Amino acid sequence: MAEFLTKSRARNVFYGGSIFFVVVFIGMTVHSHRYVVTTSTAGMPLTEAVTLGKRVWERHSCINCHTLHGEGAYFAPEVGNVMTRWGVQDDPEEAFEILNSWMESQPSGVEGRRQMPYFELTEEETRGLAEFLRWADQTDTQGWPPNDAG
C-alpha cells in the first residue's frame, strides 16, 4: 500500500525545511559580512578632495558621456583608469596639470568631431575632479570591466 504524506508529516517537512533555510541564510549572511568587512577595494583614502570631485562629476553629469568602471554612456572614453593611461596615478599635482590642460582645451573646435563641452571649473573643482579620478583609478575593481585593449 502506498504511503501518503499525512498532515503532521507535511507540517514537519514545512517546519524542518524552513529551519534549514533560515540556518543557511544566516550562515551566508555571516560569511558575506566577514568577506565585506575584511576585503576592501579602496586603493586610496576617501578625502574631502575626492568627495568634491565626485560632486563635480555628478553636477556636470559626466556619466552621460563617459563611463566609469563600465557604467555610463559610451559617447566618450572610459575614465576609470584614465590616470594610469596618462601615467600620473601616483602624482596628484601632475594629474591636476594634465586634467586641467585637457579641460581647458575643450571643445577643440574641430568640425564634425565629438567634443567635450567647456565647463567653467574653479582650480579647486578641477583638483577635486583629478583626485576623484585618481581615487577611481586606484579602486580595486577585481578585473571589471574587462579591457581587451591590452
Protein backbone atom coordinates (compact mmCIF):
# COMPACT_ATOMS: atom_id res chain seq x y z
CA MET A 1 0.00 0.00 0.00
CA ALA A 2 1.34 3.42 -0.95
CA GLU A 3 2.19 5.69 1.93
CA PHE A 4 0.84 9.25 1.70
CA LEU A 5 2.07 12.43 3.27
CA THR A 6 -0.03 12.95 6.33
CA LYS A 7 -0.89 16.35 7.75
CA SER A 8 1.63 16.00 10.56
CA ARG A 9 4.40 14.86 8.18
CA ALA A 10 3.67 17.78 5.84
CA ARG A 11 3.88 20.16 8.81
CA ASN A 12 7.19 18.60 9.89
CA VAL A 13 8.61 18.93 6.34
CA PHE A 14 7.50 22.58 6.24
CA TYR A 15 8.99 23.47 9.64
CA GLY A 16 12.16 21.41 9.07
CA GLY A 17 12.70 22.97 5.64
CA SER A 18 12.04 26.46 6.99
CA ILE A 19 14.54 26.00 9.82
CA PHE A 20 17.11 24.57 7.39
CA PHE A 21 16.86 27.53 5.00
CA VAL A 22 16.91 30.08 7.84
CA VAL A 23 20.15 28.50 9.09
CA VAL A 24 21.59 28.55 5.55
CA PHE A 25 20.57 32.23 5.17
CA ILE A 26 22.17 33.18 8.50
CA GLY A 27 25.36 31.29 7.57
CA MET A 28 25.57 33.05 4.20
CA THR A 29 24.95 36.43 5.84
CA VAL A 30 27.75 35.87 8.37
CA HIS A 31 30.10 34.73 5.59
CA SER A 32 29.26 37.76 3.43
CA HIS A 33 29.70 40.13 6.36
CA ARG A 34 33.15 38.72 7.15
CA TYR A 35 34.15 38.98 3.48
CA VAL A 36 32.91 42.56 3.07
CA VAL A 37 34.46 43.76 6.33
CA THR A 38 37.87 42.19 5.67
CA THR A 39 38.07 42.91 1.93
CA SER A 40 38.48 46.50 0.89
CA THR A 41 38.51 47.71 -2.68
CA ALA A 42 39.81 51.14 -1.72
CA GLY A 43 43.29 51.81 -3.04
CA MET A 44 43.30 55.37 -1.79
CA PRO A 45 41.65 57.12 1.17
CA LEU A 46 38.36 58.92 0.64
CA THR A 47 39.39 62.54 1.21
CA GLU A 48 37.48 65.82 1.02
CA ALA A 49 39.06 66.46 -2.40
CA VAL A 50 37.78 63.11 -3.69
CA THR A 51 34.31 63.94 -2.35
CA LEU A 52 34.42 67.36 -4.02
CA GLY A 53 35.48 65.71 -7.28
CA LYS A 54 32.56 63.30 -7.12
CA ARG A 55 30.21 66.23 -6.60
CA VAL A 56 31.70 67.95 -9.67
CA TRP A 57 31.33 64.68 -11.63
CA GLU A 58 27.66 64.43 -10.62
CA ARG A 59 26.80 68.13 -11.02
CA HIS A 60 28.07 68.19 -14.60
CA SER A 61 26.58 64.75 -15.40
CA CYS A 62 29.90 63.43 -16.71
CA ILE A 63 28.45 59.90 -16.73
CA ASN A 64 26.09 60.96 -19.53
CA CYS A 65 29.09 60.82 -21.89
CA HIS A 66 31.87 58.94 -20.05
CA THR A 67 31.91 55.51 -18.48
CA LEU A 68 33.38 54.94 -15.05
CA HIS A 69 34.30 51.29 -14.43
CA GLY A 70 31.98 50.25 -17.24
CA GLU A 71 28.94 52.23 -16.04
CA GLY A 72 27.63 55.18 -18.00
CA ALA A 73 27.42 56.24 -21.63
CA TYR A 74 29.81 55.19 -24.36
CA PHE A 75 30.00 58.55 -26.14
CA ALA A 76 33.34 59.50 -24.59
CA PRO A 77 36.28 57.48 -23.22
CA GLU A 78 36.26 55.32 -20.09
CA VAL A 79 37.75 57.35 -17.25
CA GLY A 80 38.03 54.67 -14.55
CA ASN A 81 41.67 54.13 -15.46
CA VAL A 82 42.46 57.42 -17.19
CA MET A 83 45.18 58.34 -14.67
CA THR A 84 47.00 55.07 -15.36
CA ARG A 85 46.69 55.63 -19.10
CA TRP A 86 48.13 59.12 -18.63
CA GLY A 87 50.84 57.73 -16.30
CA VAL A 88 50.00 60.07 -13.42
CA GLN A 89 48.12 57.80 -10.99
CA ASP A 90 50.70 58.39 -8.22
CA ASP A 91 51.24 62.14 -8.63
CA PRO A 92 48.33 64.42 -7.63
CA GLU A 93 49.97 67.58 -8.96
CA GLU A 94 50.76 66.09 -12.35
CA ALA A 95 47.26 64.56 -12.52
CA PHE A 96 45.77 68.01 -11.90
CA GLU A 97 48.01 69.67 -14.50
CA ILE A 98 47.17 67.18 -17.25
CA LEU A 99 43.44 67.18 -16.46
CA ASN A 100 43.39 70.97 -16.25
CA SER A 101 45.16 71.26 -19.62
CA TRP A 102 42.74 68.79 -21.16
CA MET A 103 39.68 70.57 -19.74
CA GLU A 104 40.93 73.99 -20.89
CA SER A 105 41.48 72.71 -24.43
CA GLN A 106 37.84 71.63 -24.76
CA PRO A 107 35.99 71.97 -27.00
CA SER A 108 38.72 71.58 -29.56
CA GLY A 109 36.91 73.41 -32.36
CA VAL A 110 37.47 70.60 -34.86
CA GLU A 111 34.36 70.50 -37.06
CA GLY A 112 32.43 67.20 -37.11
CA ARG A 113 34.28 65.72 -34.14
CA ARG A 114 32.73 64.71 -30.83
CA GLN A 115 33.78 67.31 -28.35
CA MET A 116 33.60 67.80 -24.63
CA PRO A 117 31.83 70.97 -23.54
CA TYR A 118 33.81 73.62 -21.72
CA PHE A 119 32.99 73.63 -18.01
CA GLU A 120 33.99 76.72 -16.11
CA LEU A 121 35.51 74.84 -13.17
CA THR A 122 37.50 76.53 -10.46
CA GLU A 123 41.01 75.30 -9.76
CA GLU A 124 39.72 73.65 -6.58
CA GLU A 125 36.99 71.82 -8.52
CA THR A 126 39.46 70.64 -11.15
CA ARG A 127 41.83 69.43 -8.42
CA GLY A 128 38.91 67.63 -6.79
CA LEU A 129 37.93 66.02 -10.09
CA ALA A 130 41.54 64.93 -10.63
CA GLU A 131 41.59 63.40 -7.14
CA PHE A 132 38.26 61.66 -7.76
CA LEU A 133 39.62 60.18 -10.99
CA ARG A 134 42.84 59.12 -9.19
CA TRP A 135 40.69 57.52 -6.47
CA ALA A 136 38.57 55.71 -9.09
CA ASP A 137 41.74 54.63 -10.90
CA GLN A 138 43.19 53.07 -7.73
CA THR A 139 39.98 51.29 -6.74
CA ASP A 140 40.33 47.51 -6.93
CA THR A 141 37.57 46.62 -9.39
CA GLN A 142 38.62 42.95 -9.35
CA GLY A 143 39.14 42.99 -13.11
CA TRP A 144 35.94 44.84 -14.03
CA PRO A 145 35.29 45.99 -16.66
CA PRO A 146 37.21 43.61 -18.88
CA ASN A 147 39.62 45.53 -21.05
CA ASP A 148 40.67 43.84 -24.26
CA ALA A 149 42.68 46.89 -25.33
CA GLY A 150 45.68 45.39 -23.58
